[in-house]
Amino acid sequence: MVYTLREIADIVEGEVVGDDQVVIKGINSLENAMNKELSFFIDRRYRDGLNKTKAVALLVFKETDNFKGPQIVVPNPSLAYAKVASLFAPPEPDFSGISPAAEIHENSKIEPGASIYPMVYVGEEVFIAEDVILFPGVFIGDRVKIGAKTVIYPNVTILHDCLIGQEVTIHAGTVIGSDGFGFVRNGTANIKIPHNGIVRIDDHVEIGAGNTIDRATLGKTWIKRGVKTDNLIHIGHNVVIGEDTIIVAQAGISGSVHIGREVVIGGQVGISDHLKIGDRAMIGSQSGLAKSVAPGEVVSGTPSMPHRLWLKTSGLITRLPQFFDRLRRLEKKADELEKRIK
């Protein structure tokens, strides 16, 4: 695809400074951009790259004198970059129709336009809507329903009765609908609790690679519209995650946690069971939550605490040996003074 700078500016709702008829054939970083490629200046740490880049034009928040070519000034260069990158992104490859090497139960219904690669298994009474893409190695259990334009990458497992919405993306190796971790002690034995619920994933959700999303004990584990998860996320049984929440890599969410909308959960966060996290809360990376978080609150640390307090606390940790040595010296002096007084 080829666009003029004016066409791109209209798409990102930006203002062109300089020649708006420059031809753009792609987008790249400041360092790697070549002739006829657009780049972007978002982080001031990369200011030196403005004088060295071979990009023909820039996306910027504010016009810069360090780059001599035309510029598109936009309020949010990161958002503009995402829009422009999507223009040049290659389309999803698809298999024309249904491969004869796919195993599909005769009672399942597949709408026109679906692409099903070889080595896909589709169970009984499954519904697959139009323009769904199932890559090799995908397993779809009985009675699963998958909405239109959903893309499911290789080796994803979706177990029985789960519901997947429209325009969902599920990356490779993810398991949806496995049993939750539920056992009851009987003396020294652990008796398994059956998990008879489902997983429901709403429209426009993106699930990263290697996620595990457990089915509910009863009812549903529910991932609501617009949620985005990074790679290697665990979501326990009966968890509810509100709209447009973001969860970063290696986070673990225990059973029956309720997460509000537009929450941001950092990498390697651990959340204890049955907690509530309010709308638009933010959880710092590597935090351990043992209590609920109020709407809009920002917390960090283990155990979690207000983020500003955690910054002060973590700053003192490296000085603890120094404080300990000083305390011992003071204790020694106090003992000497006490002996003199006696």
Protein backbone atom coordinates (compact mmCIF):
# COMPACT_ATOMS: atom_id res chain seq x y z
CA MET A 1 0.00 0.00 0.00
CA VAL A 2 1.12 3.55 -0.76
CA TYR A 3 -0.23 6.72 0.86
CA THR A 4 0.56 10.41 0.67
CA LEU A 5 1.44 12.19 3.88
CA ARG A 6 -1.83 14.13 3.53
CA GLU A 7 -3.84 10.89 3.45
CA ILE A 8 -2.08 9.60 6.55
CA ALA A 9 -2.59 12.91 8.34
CA ASP A 10 -6.33 12.68 7.65
CA ILE A 11 -6.43 9.15 9.08
CA VAL A 12 -4.66 10.15 12.32
CA GLU A 13 -6.34 13.58 12.47
CA GLY A 14 -3.00 15.37 12.46
CA GLU A 15 -1.61 18.59 11.01
CA VAL A 16 1.07 18.40 8.30
CA VAL A 17 4.08 20.70 8.56
CA GLY A 18 5.91 20.67 5.20
CA ASP A 19 5.20 18.84 1.95
CA ASP A 20 1.96 16.88 2.38
CA GLN A 21 2.34 15.03 -0.96
CA VAL A 22 5.35 13.01 0.11
CA VAL A 23 4.77 9.33 -0.71
CA ILE A 24 4.81 6.87 2.23
CA LYS A 25 5.34 3.15 1.65
CA GLY A 26 5.84 1.96 5.22
CA ILE A 27 6.57 2.84 8.85
CA ASN A 28 9.69 2.07 10.86
CA SER A 29 11.80 3.15 13.83
CA LEU A 30 14.09 6.17 13.64
CA GLU A 31 17.11 3.89 13.45
CA ASN A 32 15.81 1.49 10.81
CA ALA A 33 13.62 3.71 8.63
CA MET A 34 14.57 3.97 4.97
CA ASN A 35 13.57 6.27 2.12
CA LYS A 36 9.77 6.62 1.70
CA GLU A 37 9.18 5.28 5.22
CA LEU A 38 7.45 7.24 7.98
CA SER A 39 8.89 7.18 11.50
CA PHE A 40 7.80 8.54 14.88
CA PHE A 41 9.32 10.54 17.72
CA ILE A 42 7.68 9.62 21.02
CA ASP A 43 10.46 9.33 23.59
CA ARG A 44 12.94 12.17 24.19
CA ARG A 45 15.64 9.61 24.95
CA TYR A 46 15.82 8.99 21.19
CA ARG A 47 16.33 12.66 20.28
CA ASP A 48 19.81 11.97 18.85
CA GLY A 49 18.22 9.69 16.27
CA LEU A 50 16.40 12.61 14.65
CA ASN A 51 19.60 13.84 12.99
CA LYS A 52 20.57 10.35 11.77
CA THR A 53 17.29 8.88 10.60
CA LYS A 54 16.65 8.26 6.91
CA ALA A 55 12.86 8.50 7.37
CA VAL A 56 11.11 10.75 4.88
CA ALA A 57 8.66 12.12 7.47
CA LEU A 58 7.81 11.95 11.20
CA LEU A 59 4.86 11.60 13.55
CA VAL A 60 5.45 14.03 16.44
CA PHE A 61 3.65 15.59 19.38
CA LYS A 62 5.29 18.96 18.68
CA GLU A 63 7.22 20.16 15.66
CA THR A 64 10.95 19.62 16.12
CA ASP A 65 13.81 21.56 14.51
CA ASN A 66 16.10 18.52 14.76
CA PHE A 67 14.37 16.89 11.77
CA LYS A 68 14.35 18.75 8.45
CA GLY A 69 11.67 16.77 6.62
CA PRO A 70 7.88 17.08 6.79
CA GLN A 71 6.11 16.20 10.05
CA ILE A 72 2.62 15.23 11.15
CA VAL A 73 1.79 16.86 14.48
CA VAL A 74 -0.68 14.82 16.52
CA PRO A 75 -1.86 14.95 20.15
CA ASN A 76 -0.90 11.32 20.77
CA PRO A 77 1.96 9.98 18.58
CA SER A 78 1.67 6.50 20.11
CA LEU A 79 -1.98 6.23 19.08
CA ALA A 80 -1.18 7.67 15.65
CA TYR A 81 1.61 5.12 15.22
CA ALA A 82 -0.79 2.27 16.01
CA LYS A 83 -3.23 3.51 13.38
CA VAL A 84 -0.55 3.94 10.72
CA ALA A 85 1.12 0.61 11.49
CA SER A 86 -2.20 -1.13 10.93
CA LEU A 87 -2.29 0.34 7.40
CA PHE A 88 0.94 -1.44 6.50
CA ALA A 89 0.45 -4.63 8.54
CA PRO A 90 0.27 -7.77 6.38
CA PRO A 91 -3.16 -9.42 6.29
CA GLU A 92 -3.81 -12.57 8.28
CA PRO A 93 -2.99 -15.60 6.15
CA ASP A 94 -5.96 -17.88 5.71
CA PHE A 95 -6.68 -21.30 4.32
CA SER A 96 -9.19 -21.24 1.52
CA GLY A 97 -12.21 -22.89 3.10
CA ILE A 98 -11.99 -26.04 5.21
CA SER A 99 -9.02 -28.34 4.87
CA PRO A 100 -9.84 -32.00 4.25
CA ALA A 101 -7.12 -32.71 6.81
CA ALA A 102 -9.21 -31.04 9.55
CA GLU A 103 -11.39 -33.25 11.76
CA ILE A 104 -14.86 -31.72 12.08
CA HIS A 105 -17.89 -33.37 13.67
CA GLU A 106 -20.83 -33.72 11.32
CA ASN A 107 -23.21 -32.01 13.76
CA SER A 108 -21.17 -28.82 13.91
CA LYS A 109 -22.09 -25.72 11.91
CA ILE A 110 -19.49 -23.63 10.11
CA GLU A 111 -20.55 -20.40 8.41
CA PRO A 112 -19.28 -19.40 4.93
CA GLY A 113 -15.94 -17.62 4.84
CA ALA A 114 -14.40 -19.52 7.75
CA SER A 115 -10.82 -20.71 7.20
CA ILE A 116 -9.88 -23.97 8.89
CA TYR A 117 -6.33 -25.22 8.44
CA PRO A 118 -5.15 -28.84 8.42
CA MET A 119 -4.87 -30.64 11.77
CA VAL A 120 -7.72 -28.70 13.40
CA TYR A 121 -10.20 -30.65 15.55
CA VAL A 122 -13.79 -29.39 15.92
CA GLY A 123 -16.08 -31.32 18.28
CA GLU A 124 -19.81 -31.95 18.33
CA GLU A 125 -22.44 -29.17 18.07
CA VAL A 126 -19.84 -26.44 17.64
CA PHE A 127 -20.84 -23.17 15.95
CA ILE A 128 -18.18 -21.25 14.02
CA ALA A 129 -19.28 -17.92 12.53
CA GLU A 130 -18.19 -16.31 9.28
CA ASP A 131 -14.58 -15.29 8.63
CA VAL A 132 -13.18 -17.17 11.63
CA ILE A 133 -9.59 -18.42 11.14
CA LEU A 134 -8.44 -21.59 12.94
CA PHE A 135 -4.73 -22.32 12.54
CA PRO A 136 -3.17 -25.82 12.65
CA GLY A 137 -3.33 -27.70 15.91
CA VAL A 138 -6.39 -25.88 17.27
CA PHE A 139 -8.73 -28.02 19.40
CA ILE A 140 -12.37 -26.91 19.71
CA GLY A 141 -14.39 -28.91 22.23
CA ASP A 142 -18.07 -29.85 22.08
CA ARG A 143 -20.71 -27.10 21.99
CA VAL A 144 -18.20 -24.25 21.76
CA LYS A 145 -19.43 -21.11 19.99
CA ILE A 146 -17.03 -18.76 18.19
CA GLY A 147 -18.08 -15.35 16.87
CA ALA A 148 -17.35 -13.76 13.50
CA LYS A 149 -13.83 -12.66 12.47
CA THR A 150 -12.16 -14.31 15.43
CA VAL A 151 -8.58 -15.52 14.85
CA ILE A 152 -7.26 -18.50 16.80
CA TYR A 153 -3.55 -19.22 16.39
CA PRO A 154 -1.81 -22.64 16.41
CA ASN A 155 -2.17 -25.11 19.25
CA VAL A 156 -4.89 -23.26 21.13
CA THR A 157 -7.26 -25.46 23.14
CA ILE A 158 -10.83 -24.33 23.78
CA LEU A 159 -12.64 -26.93 25.85
CA HIS A 160 -16.33 -27.82 25.88
CA ASP A 161 -19.16 -25.27 26.19
CA CYS A 162 -16.98 -22.15 26.19
CA LEU A 163 -18.21 -19.00 24.42
CA ILE A 164 -15.92 -16.82 22.30
CA GLY A 165 -17.15 -13.48 20.95
CA GLN A 166 -16.57 -11.59 17.71
CA GLU A 167 -13.21 -10.25 16.54
CA VAL A 168 -11.36 -12.02 19.32
CA THR A 169 -7.67 -12.88 18.91
CA ILE A 170 -6.25 -15.86 20.81
CA HIS A 171 -2.51 -16.41 20.45
CA ALA A 172 -0.64 -19.68 20.23
CA GLY A 173 -0.60 -22.22 23.04
CA THR A 174 -3.42 -20.78 25.13
CA VAL A 175 -5.81 -23.10 27.01
CA ILE A 176 -9.37 -21.92 27.66
CA GLY A 177 -11.77 -23.89 29.81
CA SER A 178 -9.43 -26.16 31.78
CA ASP A 179 -10.63 -27.12 35.27
CA GLY A 180 -9.98 -24.66 38.05
CA PHE A 181 -7.71 -25.61 40.95
CA GLY A 182 -10.28 -26.79 43.47
CA PHE A 183 -9.86 -29.58 46.02
CA VAL A 184 -11.27 -30.46 49.43
CA ARG A 185 -9.16 -32.18 52.09
CA ASN A 186 -10.40 -35.56 53.30
CA GLY A 187 -7.86 -36.58 55.90
CA THR A 188 -4.62 -36.68 53.96
CA ALA A 189 -6.34 -36.98 50.57
CA ASN A 190 -7.33 -34.17 48.22
CA ILE A 191 -10.80 -34.64 46.72
CA LYS A 192 -11.38 -32.85 43.41
CA ILE A 193 -14.26 -30.37 43.14
CA PRO A 194 -15.96 -30.73 39.73
CA HIS A 195 -15.93 -27.61 37.58
CA ASN A 196 -19.19 -27.51 35.68
CA GLY A 197 -19.17 -23.87 34.56
CA ILE A 198 -17.79 -22.26 31.40
CA VAL A 199 -15.48 -19.52 30.15
CA ARG A 200 -17.08 -16.59 28.32
CA ILE A 201 -14.91 -14.23 26.29
CA ASP A 202 -16.65 -11.16 24.89
CA ASP A 203 -16.01 -9.20 21.68
CA HIS A 204 -12.71 -7.50 20.78
CA VAL A 205 -10.68 -9.34 23.42
CA GLU A 206 -7.05 -10.27 22.71
CA ILE A 207 -5.54 -13.16 24.66
CA GLY A 208 -1.74 -13.52 24.60
CA ALA A 209 0.30 -16.65 23.99
CA GLY A 210 0.43 -19.31 26.68
CA ASN A 211 -2.51 -18.05 28.75
CA THR A 212 -4.53 -20.44 30.91
CA ILE A 213 -8.12 -19.44 31.65
CA ASP A 214 -9.98 -21.82 33.97
CA ARG A 215 -13.66 -22.63 33.66
CA ALA A 216 -15.94 -21.71 36.56
CA THR A 217 -16.88 -24.12 39.31
CA LEU A 218 -20.46 -23.02 38.64
CA GLY A 219 -21.55 -20.18 36.36
CA LYS A 220 -18.81 -18.57 34.26
CA THR A 221 -15.33 -17.15 34.20
CA TRP A 222 -15.96 -13.94 32.27
CA ILE A 223 -13.52 -11.86 30.21
CA LYS A 224 -15.44 -8.77 29.14
CA ARG A 225 -15.25 -6.65 26.01
CA GLY A 226 -11.91 -5.16 24.99
CA VAL A 227 -9.72 -6.88 27.60
CA LYS A 228 -6.10 -7.39 26.50
CA THR A 229 -3.81 -9.93 28.14
CA ASP A 230 -0.08 -10.35 27.56
CA ASN A 231 1.69 -13.72 27.34
CA LEU A 232 1.81 -16.26 30.20
CA ILE A 233 -1.20 -15.08 32.19
CA HIS A 234 -3.16 -17.36 34.54
CA ILE A 235 -6.82 -16.54 35.21
CA GLY A 236 -8.49 -18.73 37.83
CA HIS A 237 -12.03 -20.07 38.02
CA ASN A 238 -14.97 -17.65 38.35
CA VAL A 239 -12.79 -14.59 37.76
CA VAL A 240 -14.57 -11.62 36.17
CA ILE A 241 -12.47 -9.06 34.29
CA GLY A 242 -14.10 -5.76 33.34
CA GLU A 243 -14.07 -3.97 29.99
CA ASP A 244 -10.82 -2.65 28.49
CA THR A 245 -8.61 -3.96 31.30
CA ILE A 246 -4.94 -4.65 30.48
CA ILE A 247 -2.96 -7.46 32.13
CA VAL A 248 0.81 -7.69 31.58
CA ALA A 249 2.92 -10.87 31.33
CA GLN A 250 3.19 -13.52 34.06
CA ALA A 251 0.39 -12.18 36.23
CA GLY A 252 -1.58 -14.74 38.22
CA ILE A 253 -5.20 -14.14 39.25
CA SER A 254 -6.71 -16.52 41.81
CA GLY A 255 -10.27 -17.79 41.79
CA SER A 256 -13.36 -15.59 42.20
CA VAL A 257 -11.50 -12.29 41.84
CA HIS A 258 -13.64 -9.46 40.42
CA ILE A 259 -11.69 -6.88 38.41
CA GLY A 260 -13.33 -3.65 37.29
CA ARG A 261 -13.13 -1.89 33.94
CA GLU A 262 -10.02 -0.16 32.56
CA VAL A 263 -7.77 -1.63 35.24
CA VAL A 264 -4.02 -1.94 34.52
CA ILE A 265 -2.23 -4.92 36.10
CA GLY A 266 1.56 -4.98 35.79
CA GLY A 267 3.83 -7.93 35.07
CA GLN A 268 4.28 -10.74 37.63
CA VAL A 269 1.46 -9.50 39.83
CA GLY A 270 -0.11 -12.10 42.13
CA ILE A 271 -3.71 -11.61 43.26
CA SER A 272 -5.21 -13.63 46.10
CA ASP A 273 -8.65 -15.20 45.77
CA HIS A 274 -12.04 -13.48 46.25
CA LEU A 275 -10.63 -9.93 46.07
CA LYS A 276 -12.25 -6.96 44.33
CA ILE A 277 -10.27 -4.48 42.24
CA GLY A 278 -12.14 -1.30 41.44
CA ASP A 279 -12.53 0.46 38.12
CA ARG A 280 -9.39 2.16 36.72
CA ALA A 281 -7.14 0.90 39.51
CA MET A 282 -3.47 0.32 38.70
CA ILE A 283 -1.35 -2.50 40.15
CA GLY A 284 2.43 -2.08 39.90
CA SER A 285 4.64 -4.87 38.58
CA GLN A 286 5.59 -7.70 40.96
CA SER A 287 2.97 -6.66 43.49
CA GLY A 288 1.30 -9.18 45.76
CA LEU A 289 -2.34 -8.39 46.56
CA ALA A 290 -3.85 -9.83 49.72
CA LYS A 291 -6.65 -7.26 50.06
CA SER A 292 -9.06 -5.52 47.73
CA VAL A 293 -8.18 -2.31 45.86
CA ALA A 294 -10.52 0.68 45.68
CA PRO A 295 -11.54 2.27 42.36
CA GLY A 296 -8.83 4.52 40.96
CA GLU A 297 -6.26 3.44 43.56
CA VAL A 298 -2.61 2.90 42.53
CA VAL A 299 -0.79 0.24 44.54
CA SER A 300 2.58 -1.53 44.42
CA GLY A 301 4.72 -3.87 46.49
CA THR A 302 4.28 -7.04 48.53
CA PRO A 303 2.17 -6.74 50.55
CA SER A 304 0.59 -4.10 48.34
CA MET A 305 0.42 -0.50 49.56
CA PRO A 306 -0.18 2.92 48.00
CA HIS A 307 2.32 3.38 45.19
CA ARG A 308 3.98 6.51 46.61
CA LEU A 309 4.51 4.79 49.95
CA TRP A 310 6.01 1.80 48.15
CA LEU A 311 8.47 4.07 46.32
CA LYS A 312 9.65 5.50 49.66
CA THR A 313 9.80 2.06 51.25
CA SER A 314 11.68 0.41 48.40
CA GLY A 315 14.16 3.27 48.40
CA LEU A 316 15.04 2.48 52.01
CA ILE A 317 15.58 -1.25 51.49
CA THR A 318 19.14 -0.92 50.16
CA ARG A 319 20.03 1.29 53.15
CA LEU A 320 18.82 -1.18 55.78
CA PRO A 321 22.33 -2.66 56.40
CA GLN A 322 23.63 0.87 56.98
CA PHE A 323 20.76 1.61 59.39
CA PHE A 324 21.37 -1.68 61.20
CA ASP A 325 25.08 -0.95 61.68
CA ARG A 326 24.24 2.53 62.94
CA LEU A 327 21.66 1.13 65.36
CA ARG A 328 24.19 -1.34 66.80
CA ARG A 329 26.71 1.46 67.33
CA LEU A 330 24.05 3.55 69.11
CA GLU A 331 23.03 0.57 71.26
CA LYS A 332 26.68 0.03 72.22
CA LYS A 333 27.10 3.68 73.18
CA ALA A 334 23.85 3.57 75.17
CA ASP A 335 25.11 0.51 77.08
CA GLU A 336 28.39 2.29 77.88
CA LEU A 337 26.54 5.39 79.12
CA GLU A 338 24.24 3.26 81.26
CA LYS A 339 27.24 1.54 82.88
CA ARG A 340 28.88 4.91 83.65
CA ILE A 341 25.69 6.22 85.24
CA LYS A 342 25.42 3.14 87.46
